[in-house]
Amino acid sequence: MVTQEQRKRQLAREKFLRQQQRRTSARRKARMRNSVIASVLGVVVIGSLALYTTGVLKDDGKDKTNASSQTTPSAAPTAAKDPCEKPAAGAVKTQTWKKEPAVTIDPSAKYTMTLATTCGDIGIALKAKAAPHTVNSFSFLAGKGYFDHTKCHRLTTNGIYVLQCGDPTGSGSGGPGYTIPDENLKDASLKANVYPAGTVAMANTGQAHTGGSQFFLVYQDSQLPPSYTPFGTVSADGMKVLKKIAAAGENTGAGDGAPNATVVIDKATVTKS
């Protein structure tokens, strides 16, 4: 017999999959529209349109992991005290690249990513050997200041439990202009289609190999299909920060929306040890 909690999780997963399908459909329509425009405006415009189109990585994904969907509120916004500080001075950089950067990291070395956020520092041990393309991309983007001053735009508190970040636009549709391959989908930590608390994974559009810059941090065990590259593990202190953010809730009251906490990545750094 299916319990009420199991039913809630099933509905959350189904909702997530519908969101992914809508994102994919939106990308296709955008490409078709831009194609027509490009044919009218000529070759000079085609290059810039290509950058725009490839940058629309709807959530690149967490997925619920794209966890970058725009959900229509079904309940009144939840009032909660903001537990975080004001963002550091600075502006988001709007940068895109035409192709994935060449892999220059050492897969045999240890790498750590630190997200200095308005809510506290989140340390992440990266899985360079298991996900070299992903870790290399994050090292590249962090070095370019791509994540600095960006908001974590999505928090889910029902069915799956993740905080999604990595979109400079804050809309859930931004990306670096390139995609990276899926990796490490058979990681030993993923058992029974559960991404355990502390997992850091790539968001995507619901299609294979569509990850870009958006990622999600799991603050409580979440049942998801193994389609989102797990590439890091949050530190114990980082988990405390995530729990604080989650405790403040999200702004729709429906379990999926923008965090009530002002979660801004003041600075992202990747270091080799």
Protein backbone atom coordinates (compact mmCIF):
# COMPACT_ATOMS: atom_id res chain seq x y z
CA MET A 1 0.00 0.00 0.00
CA VAL A 2 1.36 3.41 -0.96
CA THR A 3 1.79 5.71 2.05
CA GLN A 4 0.89 9.39 1.96
CA GLU A 5 4.59 10.33 2.11
CA GLN A 6 5.43 8.01 -0.81
CA ARG A 7 2.59 9.54 -2.81
CA LYS A 8 3.86 13.05 -2.08
CA ARG A 9 7.33 12.08 -3.30
CA GLN A 10 5.87 10.50 -6.42
CA LEU A 11 3.91 13.65 -7.19
CA ALA A 12 6.99 15.80 -6.65
CA ARG A 13 9.03 13.67 -9.06
CA GLU A 14 6.24 13.78 -11.65
CA LYS A 15 6.05 17.55 -11.29
CA PHE A 16 9.78 17.83 -11.77
CA LEU A 17 9.69 15.73 -14.93
CA ARG A 18 6.89 17.90 -16.34
CA GLN A 19 8.98 20.97 -15.65
CA GLN A 20 11.93 19.44 -17.49
CA GLN A 21 9.74 18.68 -20.48
CA ARG A 22 8.49 22.29 -20.55
CA ARG A 23 12.06 23.58 -20.42
CA THR A 24 13.13 21.36 -23.29
CA SER A 25 10.14 22.49 -25.35
CA ALA A 26 10.95 26.14 -24.63
CA ARG A 27 14.53 25.66 -25.78
CA ARG A 28 13.38 24.10 -29.05
CA LYS A 29 10.97 26.98 -29.71
CA ALA A 30 13.69 29.52 -28.93
CA ARG A 31 16.05 27.84 -31.38
CA MET A 32 13.44 27.81 -34.13
CA ARG A 33 12.62 31.47 -33.55
CA ASN A 34 16.26 32.50 -33.53
CA SER A 35 16.86 30.50 -36.70
CA VAL A 36 14.23 32.53 -38.54
CA ILE A 37 15.63 35.80 -37.24
CA ALA A 38 19.14 34.80 -38.25
CA SER A 39 18.06 34.04 -41.80
CA VAL A 40 16.67 37.58 -42.10
CA LEU A 41 19.46 39.50 -40.42
CA GLY A 42 22.31 37.62 -42.03
CA VAL A 43 25.59 36.00 -41.14
CA VAL A 44 26.79 38.76 -38.81
CA VAL A 45 23.90 38.16 -36.45
CA ILE A 46 24.12 34.36 -36.56
CA GLY A 47 27.15 34.20 -34.26
CA SER A 48 25.54 36.23 -31.51
CA LEU A 49 22.28 34.32 -31.80
CA ALA A 50 24.13 31.03 -31.45
CA LEU A 51 25.65 32.26 -28.20
CA TYR A 52 22.24 33.32 -26.93
CA THR A 53 20.58 30.06 -27.84
CA THR A 54 23.22 27.79 -26.36
CA GLY A 55 23.17 29.89 -23.21
CA VAL A 56 19.55 29.02 -22.50
CA LEU A 57 20.22 25.94 -20.40
CA LYS A 58 17.04 25.93 -18.46
CA ASP A 59 18.51 24.95 -15.36
CA ASP A 60 21.22 23.68 -16.84
CA GLY A 61 18.78 21.67 -14.19
CA LYS A 62 18.46 20.28 -10.52
CA ASP A 63 16.69 19.42 -12.51
CA LYS A 64 15.31 19.28 -9.54
CA THR A 65 18.29 19.20 -10.06
CA ASN A 66 17.67 21.27 -12.73
CA ALA A 67 16.06 22.58 -10.01
CA SER A 68 15.69 25.64 -11.99
CA SER A 69 12.08 25.83 -12.84
CA GLN A 70 9.73 28.70 -12.57
CA THR A 71 6.80 27.46 -10.53
CA THR A 72 3.43 29.20 -10.40
CA PRO A 73 2.64 29.91 -6.75
CA SER A 74 -0.24 27.88 -5.41
CA ALA A 75 -0.19 29.30 -1.94
CA ALA A 76 0.50 32.58 -0.21
CA PRO A 77 4.21 33.40 0.18
CA THR A 78 5.72 32.23 3.43
CA ALA A 79 6.93 34.99 5.73
CA ALA A 80 10.29 34.13 7.23
CA LYS A 81 13.16 36.06 8.71
CA ASP A 82 16.16 36.31 6.42
CA PRO A 83 19.02 34.52 8.24
CA CYS A 84 21.70 35.80 5.86
CA GLU A 85 23.84 38.90 5.52
CA LYS A 86 23.79 41.55 2.82
CA PRO A 87 25.69 40.66 -0.38
CA ALA A 88 29.18 42.00 -0.93
CA ALA A 89 29.54 44.94 -3.29
CA GLY A 90 29.93 43.94 -6.92
CA ALA A 91 28.02 42.99 -10.03
CA VAL A 92 27.35 39.74 -11.85
CA LYS A 93 29.50 39.20 -14.93
CA THR A 94 27.63 38.25 -18.08
CA GLN A 95 30.03 35.99 -19.90
CA THR A 96 29.53 33.16 -22.37
CA TRP A 97 31.88 30.92 -24.31
CA LYS A 98 31.36 29.02 -27.54
CA LYS A 99 32.77 25.71 -26.37
CA GLU A 100 33.73 23.76 -23.28
CA PRO A 101 37.19 24.69 -22.00
CA ALA A 102 39.99 22.20 -22.57
CA VAL A 103 40.55 19.90 -19.59
CA THR A 104 43.57 21.21 -17.73
CA ILE A 105 42.97 19.87 -14.21
CA ASP A 106 44.86 16.88 -12.85
CA PRO A 107 42.22 14.15 -12.31
CA SER A 108 44.50 12.42 -9.81
CA ALA A 109 44.71 15.51 -7.58
CA LYS A 110 42.33 16.72 -4.90
CA TYR A 111 40.26 19.84 -5.56
CA THR A 112 38.02 21.83 -3.27
CA MET A 113 35.41 24.42 -4.17
CA THR A 114 34.48 27.07 -1.62
CA LEU A 115 31.31 29.08 -2.00
CA ALA A 116 31.61 32.17 0.17
CA THR A 117 27.93 33.02 0.49
CA THR A 118 25.92 35.61 2.37
CA CYS A 119 24.68 32.78 4.58
CA GLY A 120 28.11 31.31 5.37
CA ASP A 121 30.89 29.41 3.62
CA ILE A 122 30.04 26.14 1.89
CA GLY A 123 33.04 23.89 1.32
CA ILE A 124 32.77 21.17 -1.33
CA ALA A 125 35.18 18.29 -1.94
CA LEU A 126 35.21 17.80 -5.71
CA LYS A 127 35.37 14.43 -7.49
CA ALA A 128 37.98 15.25 -10.12
CA LYS A 129 38.77 11.64 -11.02
CA ALA A 130 35.13 10.60 -11.44
CA ALA A 131 33.93 13.81 -13.12
CA PRO A 132 36.94 15.53 -14.75
CA HIS A 133 34.98 17.54 -17.33
CA THR A 134 32.60 18.87 -14.69
CA VAL A 135 35.29 19.76 -12.16
CA ASN A 136 37.42 21.32 -14.90
CA SER A 137 34.47 23.45 -16.03
CA PHE A 138 33.82 24.68 -12.50
CA SER A 139 37.49 25.47 -12.01
CA PHE A 140 37.44 27.46 -15.25
CA LEU A 141 34.22 29.35 -14.46
CA ALA A 142 35.23 30.11 -10.88
CA GLY A 143 38.55 31.45 -12.15
CA LYS A 144 36.67 33.80 -14.46
CA GLY A 145 34.51 35.11 -11.59
CA TYR A 146 31.45 33.66 -13.32
CA PHE A 147 29.66 32.67 -10.09
CA ASP A 148 30.57 35.78 -8.09
CA HIS A 149 27.59 37.88 -6.91
CA THR A 150 25.07 35.37 -8.30
CA LYS A 151 21.92 34.33 -6.42
CA CYS A 152 20.94 30.77 -5.65
CA HIS A 153 17.55 31.01 -7.30
CA ARG A 154 15.65 27.88 -6.28
CA LEU A 155 14.87 25.96 -3.11
CA THR A 156 12.70 22.85 -2.95
CA THR A 157 11.26 21.74 0.38
CA ASN A 158 8.77 19.04 -0.59
CA GLY A 159 9.52 15.65 -2.18
CA ILE A 160 13.08 16.58 -3.07
CA TYR A 161 15.30 18.82 -1.00
CA VAL A 162 17.79 20.91 -2.89
CA LEU A 163 19.19 24.40 -3.27
CA GLN A 164 19.96 25.32 -6.88
CA CYS A 165 22.59 27.86 -7.90
CA GLY A 166 24.90 28.75 -10.77
CA ASP A 167 22.69 30.89 -12.99
CA PRO A 168 23.98 34.48 -13.41
CA THR A 169 20.55 35.56 -14.66
CA GLY A 170 18.79 34.25 -11.56
CA SER A 171 15.95 33.05 -13.79
CA GLY A 172 16.76 29.35 -14.10
CA SER A 173 17.51 29.66 -17.80
CA GLY A 174 21.08 30.97 -17.81
CA GLY A 175 24.28 29.16 -18.69
CA PRO A 176 27.88 29.62 -19.90
CA GLY A 177 27.13 29.12 -23.60
CA TYR A 178 28.48 25.58 -23.69
CA THR A 179 27.45 22.21 -22.32
CA ILE A 180 29.45 19.43 -20.70
CA PRO A 181 28.99 15.65 -20.82
CA ASP A 182 27.21 13.71 -18.10
CA GLU A 183 29.66 11.91 -15.82
CA ASN A 184 29.76 9.63 -12.80
CA LEU A 185 26.11 8.56 -13.02
CA LYS A 186 26.97 5.25 -11.39
CA ASP A 187 28.60 6.81 -8.36
CA ALA A 188 28.60 4.46 -5.38
CA SER A 189 26.76 7.05 -3.31
CA LEU A 190 23.66 6.86 -5.54
CA LYS A 191 21.66 3.95 -4.23
CA ALA A 192 18.01 3.16 -5.00
CA ASN A 193 17.76 6.38 -7.04
CA VAL A 194 18.51 8.51 -4.00
CA TYR A 195 20.88 11.47 -4.02
CA PRO A 196 22.04 11.55 -0.39
CA ALA A 197 22.29 14.70 1.69
CA GLY A 198 25.54 16.49 0.99
CA THR A 199 25.62 15.62 -2.71
CA VAL A 200 26.47 18.38 -5.19
CA ALA A 201 25.24 17.59 -8.70
CA MET A 202 24.71 19.20 -12.08
CA ALA A 203 21.36 20.52 -13.19
CA ASN A 204 20.33 19.92 -16.79
CA THR A 205 17.42 20.28 -19.20
CA GLY A 206 16.20 16.72 -18.78
CA GLN A 207 18.19 15.60 -21.82
CA ALA A 208 21.59 13.87 -21.78
CA HIS A 209 24.75 15.99 -21.79
CA THR A 210 23.04 19.36 -21.32
CA GLY A 211 24.71 20.48 -18.11
CA GLY A 212 26.21 23.97 -18.12
CA SER A 213 26.81 26.03 -14.98
CA GLN A 214 23.73 25.37 -12.83
CA PHE A 215 24.10 22.92 -9.98
CA PHE A 216 22.23 21.86 -6.90
CA LEU A 217 23.17 21.03 -3.34
CA VAL A 218 21.17 18.32 -1.59
CA TYR A 219 20.42 19.15 2.06
CA GLN A 220 18.25 16.06 2.71
CA ASP A 221 18.13 12.66 0.98
CA SER A 222 16.20 13.11 -2.28
CA GLN A 223 14.84 10.49 -4.65
CA LEU A 224 15.78 11.35 -8.23
CA PRO A 225 16.71 9.34 -11.31
CA PRO A 226 20.52 9.02 -11.71
CA SER A 227 20.62 11.58 -14.52
CA TYR A 228 22.46 14.41 -12.80
CA THR A 229 26.26 14.29 -12.57
CA PRO A 230 27.30 14.03 -8.90
CA PHE A 231 30.62 15.88 -8.71
CA GLY A 232 31.11 16.92 -5.10
CA THR A 233 30.31 16.48 -1.42
CA VAL A 234 29.45 19.29 0.98
CA SER A 235 31.50 19.64 4.17
CA ALA A 236 29.96 19.28 7.63
CA ASP A 237 30.07 23.04 8.20
CA GLY A 238 28.62 23.61 4.74
CA MET A 239 25.69 21.35 5.60
CA LYS A 240 24.89 23.57 8.58
CA VAL A 241 24.67 26.52 6.21
CA LEU A 242 22.37 24.59 3.86
CA LYS A 243 20.11 23.57 6.73
CA LYS A 244 19.85 27.21 7.82
CA ILE A 245 18.85 28.24 4.31
CA ALA A 246 16.31 25.42 4.06
CA ALA A 247 14.81 26.26 7.45
CA ALA A 248 13.90 29.74 6.19
CA GLY A 249 11.74 28.15 3.47
CA GLU A 250 10.84 29.36 0.00
CA ASN A 251 8.64 32.20 -1.18
CA THR A 252 5.67 30.40 -2.75
CA GLY A 253 4.60 28.24 0.17
CA ALA A 254 4.22 25.39 -2.32
CA GLY A 255 7.56 23.73 -1.66
CA ASP A 256 9.36 25.03 -4.77
CA GLY A 257 10.42 28.62 -5.30
CA ALA A 258 13.04 31.24 -4.55
CA PRO A 259 14.64 30.92 -1.09
CA ASN A 260 13.40 33.29 1.57
CA ALA A 261 17.02 33.55 2.63
CA THR A 262 19.08 35.94 0.50
CA VAL A 263 21.55 33.36 -0.78
CA VAL A 264 24.21 35.11 -2.85
CA ILE A 265 27.58 33.63 -3.77
CA ASP A 266 29.93 36.52 -3.02
CA LYS A 267 32.90 34.53 -4.28
CA ALA A 268 33.51 31.03 -5.65
CA THR A 269 36.98 29.54 -5.68
CA VAL A 270 38.39 26.17 -6.71
CA THR A 271 41.73 25.15 -5.21
CA LYS A 272 44.05 22.21 -5.75
CA SER A 273 45.60 20.54 -2.73
